[in-house]
Amino acid sequence: MPNTIPIILVEFTLSFVTAIKTEAVLSFLGLGIKDGVSWGLMLAEASSEIQAGYLNNFIAASSFMFVLVMAFNQFADALQEALDPQAGAR
């Protein structure tokens, strides 16, 4: 059991990233959260403003979401490397 804890921690961080992306896609398509704060809702509202020439909201929302997802991916990689030192030697 102690040998599976690092694997479970890394899988949890990667599944958290998947949950963020899934929620954003569903909210963007109108199938997720209707009222509230969501990455998908922000991107959907900003994409409707693109035709009017306002790119700032879309660029800001998509870049912050990209940074969040990449941060969790980097965290998962660092966690895997810290908990499994043999994985970095391969």
PDB file of N, CA and C in Angstrom:
ATOM      1  N   MET A   1       0.801  -1.204   0.000  1.00  0.00           N
ATOM      2  CA  MET A   1       0.000   0.000   0.000  1.00  0.00           C
ATOM      3  C   MET A   1       0.847   1.274   0.000  1.00  0.00           C
ATOM      4  N   PRO A   2       1.942   1.347   0.755  1.00  0.00           N
ATOM      5  CA  PRO A   2       2.730   2.583   0.743  1.00  0.00           C
ATOM      6  C   PRO A   2       3.342   2.890  -0.633  1.00  0.00           C
ATOM      7  N   ASN A   3       3.566   1.876  -1.436  1.00  0.00           N
ATOM      8  CA  ASN A   3       4.158   2.112  -2.752  1.00  0.00           C
ATOM      9  C   ASN A   3       3.166   2.704  -3.746  1.00  0.00           C
ATOM     10  N   THR A   4       1.893   2.632  -3.464  1.00  0.00           N
ATOM     11  CA  THR A   4       0.898   3.172  -4.391  1.00  0.00           C
ATOM     12  C   THR A   4       0.541   4.631  -4.109  1.00  0.00           C
ATOM     13  N   ILE A   5       0.941   5.165  -2.967  1.00  0.00           N
ATOM     14  CA  ILE A   5       0.590   6.541  -2.610  1.00  0.00           C
ATOM     15  C   ILE A   5       1.139   7.549  -3.618  1.00  0.00           C
ATOM     16  N   PRO A   6       2.398   7.464  -4.064  1.00  0.00           N
ATOM     17  CA  PRO A   6       2.862   8.436  -5.070  1.00  0.00           C
ATOM     18  C   PRO A   6       2.071   8.364  -6.374  1.00  0.00           C
ATOM     19  N   ILE A   7       1.727   7.183  -6.793  1.00  0.00           N
ATOM     20  CA  ILE A   7       0.966   7.026  -8.032  1.00  0.00           C
ATOM     21  C   ILE A   7      -0.424   7.624  -7.885  1.00  0.00           C
ATOM     22  N   ILE A   8      -1.043   7.398  -6.743  1.00  0.00           N
ATOM     23  CA  ILE A   8      -2.378   7.936  -6.494  1.00  0.00           C
ATOM     24  C   ILE A   8      -2.346   9.460  -6.443  1.00  0.00           C
ATOM     25  N   LEU A   9      -1.329  10.050  -5.829  1.00  0.00           N
ATOM     26  CA  LEU A   9      -1.220  11.507  -5.758  1.00  0.00           C
ATOM     27  C   LEU A   9      -1.058  12.126  -7.143  1.00  0.00           C
ATOM     28  N   VAL A  10      -0.225  11.537  -7.974  1.00  0.00           N
ATOM     29  CA  VAL A  10      -0.020  12.055  -9.323  1.00  0.00           C
ATOM     30  C   VAL A  10      -1.294  11.909 -10.146  1.00  0.00           C
ATOM     31  N   GLU A  11      -1.958  10.771 -10.044  1.00  0.00           N
ATOM     32  CA  GLU A  11      -3.215  10.578 -10.770  1.00  0.00           C
ATOM     33  C   GLU A  11      -4.285  11.556 -10.304  1.00  0.00           C
ATOM     34  N   PHE A  12      -4.304  11.873  -9.023  1.00  0.00           N
ATOM     35  CA  PHE A  12      -5.276  12.835  -8.509  1.00  0.00           C
ATOM     36  C   PHE A  12      -5.036  14.216  -9.107  1.00  0.00           C
ATOM     37  N   THR A  13      -3.792  14.655  -9.176  1.00  0.00           N
ATOM     38  CA  THR A  13      -3.513  15.976  -9.749  1.00  0.00           C
ATOM     39  C   THR A  13      -3.852  16.009 -11.233  1.00  0.00           C
ATOM     40  N   LEU A  14      -3.576  14.932 -11.956  1.00  0.00           N
ATOM     41  CA  LEU A  14      -3.910  14.899 -13.379  1.00  0.00           C
ATOM     42  C   LEU A  14      -5.422  14.825 -13.599  1.00  0.00           C
ATOM     43  N   SER A  15      -6.138  14.123 -12.733  1.00  0.00           N
ATOM     44  CA  SER A  15      -7.589  14.077 -12.875  1.00  0.00           C
ATOM     45  C   SER A  15      -8.225  15.414 -12.500  1.00  0.00           C
ATOM     46  N   PHE A  16      -7.581  16.174 -11.627  1.00  0.00           N
ATOM     47  CA  PHE A  16      -8.057  17.513 -11.304  1.00  0.00           C
ATOM     48  C   PHE A  16      -7.966  18.425 -12.516  1.00  0.00           C
ATOM     49  N   VAL A  17      -6.891  18.321 -13.281  1.00  0.00           N
ATOM     50  CA  VAL A  17      -6.740  19.083 -14.525  1.00  0.00           C
ATOM     51  C   VAL A  17      -7.833  18.687 -15.514  1.00  0.00           C
ATOM     52  N   THR A  18      -8.097  17.410 -15.621  1.00  0.00           N
ATOM     53  CA  THR A  18      -9.154  16.937 -16.521  1.00  0.00           C
ATOM     54  C   THR A  18     -10.518  17.471 -16.091  1.00  0.00           C
ATOM     55  N   ALA A  19     -10.753  17.531 -14.803  1.00  0.00           N
ATOM     56  CA  ALA A  19     -12.025  18.067 -14.310  1.00  0.00           C
ATOM     57  C   ALA A  19     -12.172  19.547 -14.636  1.00  0.00           C
ATOM     58  N   ILE A  20     -11.108  20.314 -14.524  1.00  0.00           N
ATOM     59  CA  ILE A  20     -11.152  21.738 -14.860  1.00  0.00           C
ATOM     60  C   ILE A  20     -11.468  21.922 -16.335  1.00  0.00           C
ATOM     61  N   LYS A  21     -10.779  21.171 -17.182  1.00  0.00           N
ATOM     62  CA  LYS A  21     -11.008  21.307 -18.623  1.00  0.00           C
ATOM     63  C   LYS A  21     -12.406  20.835 -19.009  1.00  0.00           C
ATOM     64  N   THR A  22     -12.897  19.773 -18.403  1.00  0.00           N
ATOM     65  CA  THR A  22     -14.234  19.271 -18.709  1.00  0.00           C
ATOM     66  C   THR A  22     -15.303  20.278 -18.308  1.00  0.00           C
ATOM     67  N   GLU A  23     -15.150  20.866 -17.129  1.00  0.00           N
ATOM     68  CA  GLU A  23     -16.109  21.869 -16.679  1.00  0.00           C
ATOM     69  C   GLU A  23     -16.095  23.082 -17.595  1.00  0.00           C
ATOM     70  N   ALA A  24     -14.927  23.502 -18.033  1.00  0.00           N
ATOM     71  CA  ALA A  24     -14.833  24.665 -18.911  1.00  0.00           C
ATOM     72  C   ALA A  24     -15.482  24.387 -20.262  1.00  0.00           C
ATOM     73  N   VAL A  25     -15.256  23.213 -20.811  1.00  0.00           N
ATOM     74  CA  VAL A  25     -15.851  22.880 -22.112  1.00  0.00           C
ATOM     75  C   VAL A  25     -17.367  22.780 -22.002  1.00  0.00           C
ATOM     76  N   LEU A  26     -17.867  22.110 -20.952  1.00  0.00           N
ATOM     77  CA  LEU A  26     -19.308  21.976 -20.792  1.00  0.00           C
ATOM     78  C   LEU A  26     -19.980  23.329 -20.563  1.00  0.00           C
ATOM     79  N   SER A  27     -19.360  24.189 -19.775  1.00  0.00           N
ATOM     80  CA  SER A  27     -19.933  25.510 -19.548  1.00  0.00           C
ATOM     81  C   SER A  27     -19.863  26.364 -20.806  1.00  0.00           C
ATOM     82  N   PHE A  28     -18.802  26.211 -21.576  1.00  0.00           N
ATOM     83  CA  PHE A  28     -18.679  26.958 -22.827  1.00  0.00           C
ATOM     84  C   PHE A  28     -19.781  26.565 -23.804  1.00  0.00           C
ATOM     85  N   LEU A  29     -20.105  25.284 -23.844  1.00  0.00           N
ATOM     86  CA  LEU A  29     -21.148  24.796 -24.738  1.00  0.00           C
ATOM     87  C   LEU A  29     -22.561  25.039 -24.201  1.00  0.00           C
ATOM     88  N   GLY A  30     -22.668  25.512 -22.964  1.00  0.00           N
ATOM     89  CA  GLY A  30     -23.974  25.781 -22.382  1.00  0.00           C
ATOM     90  C   GLY A  30     -24.572  24.607 -21.649  1.00  0.00           C
ATOM     91  N   LEU A  31     -23.793  23.574 -21.413  1.00  0.00           N
ATOM     92  CA  LEU A  31     -24.291  22.385 -20.727  1.00  0.00           C
ATOM     93  C   LEU A  31     -23.885  22.331 -19.261  1.00  0.00           C
ATOM     94  N   GLY A  32     -23.072  23.273 -18.830  1.00  0.00           N
ATOM     95  CA  GLY A  32     -22.566  23.250 -17.460  1.00  0.00           C
ATOM     96  C   GLY A  32     -23.276  24.253 -16.578  1.00  0.00           C
ATOM     97  N   ILE A  33     -22.503  24.999 -15.841  1.00  0.00           N
ATOM     98  CA  ILE A  33     -23.016  25.987 -14.904  1.00  0.00           C
ATOM     99  C   ILE A  33     -23.692  27.119 -15.676  1.00  0.00           C
ATOM    100  N   LYS A  34     -24.896  27.456 -15.271  1.00  0.00           N
ATOM    101  CA  LYS A  34     -25.632  28.540 -15.931  1.00  0.00           C
ATOM    102  C   LYS A  34     -25.358  29.877 -15.255  1.00  0.00           C
ATOM    103  N   ASP A  35     -25.470  29.927 -13.945  1.00  0.00           N
ATOM    104  CA  ASP A  35     -25.230  31.140 -13.178  1.00  0.00           C
ATOM    105  C   ASP A  35     -24.055  30.897 -12.252  1.00  0.00           C
ATOM    106  N   GLY A  36     -23.120  31.789 -12.255  1.00  0.00           N
ATOM    107  CA  GLY A  36     -21.965  31.649 -11.394  1.00  0.00           C
ATOM    108  C   GLY A  36     -20.697  32.001 -12.147  1.00  0.00           C
ATOM    109  N   VAL A  37     -19.596  31.617 -11.566  1.00  0.00           N
ATOM    110  CA  VAL A  37     -18.291  31.912 -12.145  1.00  0.00           C
ATOM    111  C   VAL A  37     -17.711  30.625 -12.699  1.00  0.00           C
ATOM    112  N   SER A  38     -17.328  30.671 -13.959  1.00  0.00           N
ATOM    113  CA  SER A  38     -16.788  29.489 -14.619  1.00  0.00           C
ATOM    114  C   SER A  38     -15.851  29.936 -15.741  1.00  0.00           C
ATOM    115  N   TRP A  39     -14.812  29.149 -15.980  1.00  0.00           N
ATOM    116  CA  TRP A  39     -13.912  29.454 -17.096  1.00  0.00           C
ATOM    117  C   TRP A  39     -14.675  29.381 -18.407  1.00  0.00           C
ATOM    118  N   GLY A  40     -15.532  28.415 -18.546  1.00  0.00           N
ATOM    119  CA  GLY A  40     -16.287  28.254 -19.781  1.00  0.00           C
ATOM    120  C   GLY A  40     -17.236  29.406 -20.036  1.00  0.00           C
ATOM    121  N   LEU A  41     -17.893  29.895 -18.973  1.00  0.00           N
ATOM    122  CA  LEU A  41     -18.788  31.040 -19.125  1.00  0.00           C
ATOM    123  C   LEU A  41     -18.015  32.295 -19.505  1.00  0.00           C
ATOM    124  N   MET A  42     -16.842  32.470 -18.894  1.00  0.00           N
ATOM    125  CA  MET A  42     -16.023  33.636 -19.249  1.00  0.00           C
ATOM    126  C   MET A  42     -15.581  33.574 -20.700  1.00  0.00           C
ATOM    127  N   LEU A  43     -15.186  32.390 -21.155  1.00  0.00           N
ATOM    128  CA  LEU A  43     -14.763  32.248 -22.547  1.00  0.00           C
ATOM    129  C   LEU A  43     -15.932  32.410 -23.511  1.00  0.00           C
ATOM    130  N   ALA A  44     -17.108  31.927 -23.143  1.00  0.00           N
ATOM    131  CA  ALA A  44     -18.280  32.072 -24.005  1.00  0.00           C
ATOM    132  C   ALA A  44     -18.687  33.538 -24.134  1.00  0.00           C
ATOM    133  N   GLU A  45     -18.682  34.263 -23.029  1.00  0.00           N
ATOM    134  CA  GLU A  45     -19.014  35.683 -23.081  1.00  0.00           C
ATOM    135  C   GLU A  45     -17.968  36.463 -23.860  1.00  0.00           C
ATOM    136  N   ALA A  46     -16.700  36.113 -23.669  1.00  0.00           N
ATOM    137  CA  ALA A  46     -15.636  36.819 -24.373  1.00  0.00           C
ATOM    138  C   ALA A  46     -15.637  36.496 -25.859  1.00  0.00           C
ATOM    139  N   SER A  47     -16.019  35.277 -26.221  1.00  0.00           N
ATOM    140  CA  SER A  47     -16.042  34.930 -27.650  1.00  0.00           C
ATOM    141  C   SER A  47     -17.154  35.665 -28.387  1.00  0.00           C
ATOM    142  N   SER A  48     -18.221  36.011 -27.685  1.00  0.00           N
ATOM    143  CA  SER A  48     -19.267  36.804 -28.337  1.00  0.00           C
ATOM    144  C   SER A  48     -18.821  38.253 -28.533  1.00  0.00           C
ATOM    145  N   GLU A  49     -17.847  38.703 -27.755  1.00  0.00           N
ATOM    146  CA  GLU A  49     -17.326  40.066 -27.896  1.00  0.00           C
ATOM    147  C   GLU A  49     -16.231  40.173 -28.949  1.00  0.00           C
ATOM    148  N   ILE A  50     -15.749  39.047 -29.449  1.00  0.00           N
ATOM    149  CA  ILE A  50     -14.673  39.072 -30.445  1.00  0.00           C
ATOM    150  C   ILE A  50     -15.148  39.734 -31.734  1.00  0.00           C
ATOM    151  N   GLN A  51     -16.379  39.493 -32.112  1.00  0.00           N
ATOM    152  CA  GLN A  51     -16.905  40.075 -33.348  1.00  0.00           C
ATOM    153  C   GLN A  51     -16.969  41.600 -33.267  1.00  0.00           C
ATOM    154  N   ALA A  52     -17.100  42.117 -32.059  1.00  0.00           N
ATOM    155  CA  ALA A  52     -17.130  43.567 -31.875  1.00  0.00           C
ATOM    156  C   ALA A  52     -15.723  44.151 -31.816  1.00  0.00           C
ATOM    157  N   GLY A  53     -14.703  43.290 -31.814  1.00  0.00           N
ATOM    158  CA  GLY A  53     -13.316  43.753 -31.819  1.00  0.00           C
ATOM    159  C   GLY A  53     -12.655  43.805 -30.459  1.00  0.00           C
ATOM    160  N   TYR A  54     -13.303  43.257 -29.442  1.00  0.00           N
ATOM    161  CA  TYR A  54     -12.729  43.248 -28.100  1.00  0.00           C
ATOM    162  C   TYR A  54     -12.075  41.893 -27.837  1.00  0.00           C
ATOM    163  N   LEU A  55     -10.775  41.822 -28.035  1.00  0.00           N
ATOM    164  CA  LEU A  55     -10.048  40.562 -27.849  1.00  0.00           C
ATOM    165  C   LEU A  55      -9.467  40.429 -26.442  1.00  0.00           C
ATOM    166  N   ASN A  56      -9.421  41.511 -25.685  1.00  0.00           N
ATOM    167  CA  ASN A  56      -8.735  41.494 -24.396  1.00  0.00           C
ATOM    168  C   ASN A  56      -9.334  40.481 -23.424  1.00  0.00           C
ATOM    169  N   ASN A  57     -10.652  40.431 -23.336  1.00  0.00           N
ATOM    170  CA  ASN A  57     -11.286  39.504 -22.391  1.00  0.00           C
ATOM    171  C   ASN A  57     -11.023  38.052 -22.779  1.00  0.00           C
ATOM    172  N   PHE A  58     -11.086  37.748 -24.062  1.00  0.00           N
ATOM    173  CA  PHE A  58     -10.851  36.379 -24.510  1.00  0.00           C
ATOM    174  C   PHE A  58      -9.399  35.962 -24.281  1.00  0.00           C
ATOM    175  N   ILE A  59      -8.481  36.852 -24.597  1.00  0.00           N
ATOM    176  CA  ILE A  59      -7.058  36.542 -24.404  1.00  0.00           C
ATOM    177  C   ILE A  59      -6.749  36.369 -22.922  1.00  0.00           C
ATOM    178  N   ALA A  60      -7.312  37.235 -22.078  1.00  0.00           N
ATOM    179  CA  ALA A  60      -7.055  37.136 -20.638  1.00  0.00           C
ATOM    180  C   ALA A  60      -7.633  35.842 -20.061  1.00  0.00           C
ATOM    181  N   ALA A  61      -8.875  35.525 -20.392  1.00  0.00           N
ATOM    182  CA  ALA A  61      -9.504  34.321 -19.835  1.00  0.00           C
ATOM    183  C   ALA A  61      -8.803  33.054 -20.313  1.00  0.00           C
ATOM    184  N   SER A  62      -8.489  32.993 -21.604  1.00  0.00           N
ATOM    185  CA  SER A  62      -7.850  31.781 -22.117  1.00  0.00           C
ATOM    186  C   SER A  62      -6.412  31.657 -21.622  1.00  0.00           C
ATOM    187  N   SER A  63      -5.695  32.753 -21.477  1.00  0.00           N
ATOM    188  CA  SER A  63      -4.312  32.649 -20.995  1.00  0.00           C
ATOM    189  C   SER A  63      -4.266  32.280 -19.519  1.00  0.00           C
ATOM    190  N   PHE A  64      -5.183  32.812 -18.713  1.00  0.00           N
ATOM    191  CA  PHE A  64      -5.205  32.420 -17.304  1.00  0.00           C
ATOM    192  C   PHE A  64      -5.593  30.960 -17.130  1.00  0.00           C
ATOM    193  N   MET A  65      -6.511  30.480 -17.942  1.00  0.00           N
ATOM    194  CA  MET A  65      -6.871  29.067 -17.878  1.00  0.00           C
ATOM    195  C   MET A  65      -5.699  28.196 -18.319  1.00  0.00           C
ATOM    196  N   PHE A  66      -4.983  28.624 -19.352  1.00  0.00           N
ATOM    197  CA  PHE A  66      -3.799  27.901 -19.809  1.00  0.00           C
ATOM    198  C   PHE A  66      -2.745  27.845 -18.711  1.00  0.00           C
ATOM    199  N   VAL A  67      -2.519  28.961 -18.027  1.00  0.00           N
ATOM    200  CA  VAL A  67      -1.528  28.998 -16.950  1.00  0.00           C
ATOM    201  C   VAL A  67      -1.945  28.077 -15.809  1.00  0.00           C
ATOM    202  N   LEU A  68      -3.229  28.060 -15.466  1.00  0.00           N
ATOM    203  CA  LEU A  68      -3.706  27.183 -14.398  1.00  0.00           C
ATOM    204  C   LEU A  68      -3.505  25.714 -14.742  1.00  0.00           C
ATOM    205  N   VAL A  69      -3.863  25.335 -15.956  1.00  0.00           N
ATOM    206  CA  VAL A  69      -3.718  23.936 -16.371  1.00  0.00           C
ATOM    207  C   VAL A  69      -2.242  23.546 -16.439  1.00  0.00           C
ATOM    208  N   MET A  70      -1.415  24.418 -16.977  1.00  0.00           N
ATOM    209  CA  MET A  70       0.018  24.112 -17.056  1.00  0.00           C
ATOM    210  C   MET A  70       0.650  24.043 -15.661  1.00  0.00           C
ATOM    211  N   ALA A  71       0.194  24.881 -14.745  1.00  0.00           N
ATOM    212  CA  ALA A  71       0.722  24.838 -13.375  1.00  0.00           C
ATOM    213  C   ALA A  71       0.405  23.504 -12.706  1.00  0.00           C
ATOM    214  N   PHE A  72      -0.816  23.021 -12.888  1.00  0.00           N
ATOM    215  CA  PHE A  72      -1.154  21.720 -12.307  1.00  0.00           C
ATOM    216  C   PHE A  72      -0.393  20.591 -12.989  1.00  0.00           C
ATOM    217  N   ASN A  73      -0.154  20.693 -14.286  1.00  0.00           N
ATOM    218  CA  ASN A  73       0.651  19.678 -14.967  1.00  0.00           C
ATOM    219  C   ASN A  73       2.091  19.689 -14.463  1.00  0.00           C
ATOM    220  N   GLN A  74       2.651  20.872 -14.287  1.00  0.00           N
ATOM    221  CA  GLN A  74       4.006  20.972 -13.753  1.00  0.00           C
ATOM    222  C   GLN A  74       4.070  20.454 -12.316  1.00  0.00           C
ATOM    223  N   PHE A  75       3.024  20.730 -11.554  1.00  0.00           N
ATOM    224  CA  PHE A  75       2.962  20.233 -10.190  1.00  0.00           C
ATOM    225  C   PHE A  75       2.922  18.712 -10.165  1.00  0.00           C
ATOM    226  N   ALA A  76       2.156  18.119 -11.072  1.00  0.00           N
ATOM    227  CA  ALA A  76       2.081  16.659 -11.147  1.00  0.00           C
ATOM    228  C   ALA A  76       3.426  16.072 -11.546  1.00  0.00           C
ATOM    229  N   ASP A  77       4.105  16.709 -12.490  1.00  0.00           N
ATOM    230  CA  ASP A  77       5.428  16.221 -12.895  1.00  0.00           C
ATOM    231  C   ASP A  77       6.434  16.336 -11.754  1.00  0.00           C
ATOM    232  N   ALA A  78       6.418  17.459 -11.051  1.00  0.00           N
ATOM    233  CA  ALA A  78       7.334  17.638  -9.931  1.00  0.00           C
ATOM    234  C   ALA A  78       7.025  16.669  -8.801  1.00  0.00           C
ATOM    235  N   LEU A  79       5.751  16.431  -8.561  1.00  0.00           N
ATOM    236  CA  LEU A  79       5.351  15.487  -7.519  1.00  0.00           C
ATOM    237  C   LEU A  79       5.791  14.075  -7.871  1.00  0.00           C
ATOM    238  N   GLN A  80       5.641  13.700  -9.131  1.00  0.00           N
ATOM    239  CA  GLN A  80       6.069  12.373  -9.553  1.00  0.00           C
ATOM    240  C   GLN A  80       7.582  12.231  -9.441  1.00  0.00           C
ATOM    241  N   GLU A  81       8.298  13.267  -9.828  1.00  0.00           N
ATOM    242  CA  GLU A  81       9.762  13.210  -9.751  1.00  0.00           C
ATOM    243  C   GLU A  81      10.246  13.180  -8.316  1.00  0.00           C
ATOM    244  N   ALA A  82       9.577  13.911  -7.435  1.00  0.00           N
ATOM    245  CA  ALA A  82       9.986  13.937  -6.027  1.00  0.00           C
ATOM    246  C   ALA A  82       9.661  12.636  -5.329  1.00  0.00           C
ATOM    247  N   LEU A  83       8.543  12.010  -5.660  1.00  0.00           N
ATOM    248  CA  LEU A  83       8.144  10.797  -4.972  1.00  0.00           C
ATOM    249  C   LEU A  83       8.703   9.533  -5.602  1.00  0.00           C
ATOM    250  N   ASP A  84       9.112   9.617  -6.853  1.00  0.00           N
ATOM    251  CA  ASP A  84       9.691   8.453  -7.544  1.00  0.00           C
ATOM    252  C   ASP A  84      11.005   8.892  -8.193  1.00  0.00           C
ATOM    253  N   PRO A  85      12.108   8.887  -7.462  1.00  0.00           N
ATOM    254  CA  PRO A  85      13.374   9.368  -7.999  1.00  0.00           C
ATOM    255  C   PRO A  85      13.904   8.531  -9.181  1.00  0.00           C
ATOM    256  N   GLN A  86      13.481   7.294  -9.287  1.00  0.00           N
ATOM    257  CA  GLN A  86      13.948   6.456 -10.393  1.00  0.00           C
ATOM    258  C   GLN A  86      13.311   6.856 -11.710  1.00  0.00           C
ATOM    259  N   ALA A  87      12.159   7.513 -11.689  1.00  0.00           N
ATOM    260  CA  ALA A  87      11.481   7.921 -12.917  1.00  0.00           C
ATOM    261  C   ALA A  87      12.263   9.002 -13.642  1.00  0.00           C
ATOM    262  N   GLY A  88      12.970   9.863 -12.915  1.00  0.00           N
ATOM    263  CA  GLY A  88      13.758  10.923 -13.533  1.00  0.00           C
ATOM    264  C   GLY A  88      15.035  10.423 -14.181  1.00  0.00           C
ATOM    265  N   ALA A  89      15.513   9.249 -13.775  1.00  0.00           N
ATOM    266  CA  ALA A  89      16.760   8.710 -14.324  1.00  0.00           C
ATOM    267  C   ALA A  89      16.549   8.045 -15.671  1.00  0.00           C
ATOM    268  N   ARG A  90      15.309   7.759 -16.056  1.00  0.00           N
ATOM    269  CA  ARG A  90      15.042   7.052 -17.312  1.00  0.00           C
ATOM    270  C   ARG A  90      15.173   7.936 -18.501  1.00  0.00           C
TER     271      ARG A  90
END
